[in-house]
Amino acid sequence: MAASTKLPFFVRDKEALKVFGFDTASYELDEKKAAPFPLPTPKAAHWSPDGLAVAMVDPAQGPQVATFEKSNSGRELSTATLHSLPGAPKTVQGFLWSPLSSAVVTTAPSGPKGSQEHNVHVWRRAGAGAPGDGSGNGGSYELQASFCHPKLEKDKK
């Protein structure tokens, strides 16, 4: 019998963001109910490439990153820690992860025409200094760089 692995994924429903694990051996779904999940439905959310973090924007709290630790077996996610990104605008609309999941870029619409307000921010996970250190290592996220990109536009909903 093949070893069981739980593949994590999130679902944004009407009221909450929920995290599930899909067991590849039994084909069963398992909802993760450990704090802080379920969370109120975010405006945007994006998994890190290593599958150990999800970046999201709560309109009231601003951008946040939930990082997960693997269980002792290493086959499923266990506890989650929620990290805020202090100083990031609450208008963030998108995330881009670095390939090794050690950094995340937040993008927000530019301000009024001619504004030089920074709307692109680069955050790096504290302790993720060496190549291969992903989102599951270290502490909170620290601002590494920010700049103004004048052509980012607001959602056209």
Foldseek 3Di string as FASTA:
>chain_A
DDDWAWQWDWDQDPFWIWIWTQIPPPRDIDTAPAPPPGHGGFLDWDAALVRQKIWGAHLVQAIKIKGFDADPVNRHTHDIDIAGAPPADSQFRDWDADNLAQKIKTAGAADPPPDWDWGIWIWGAAPQDDPNRHPNDHHHIYTDDTGDDHPGHHDPD
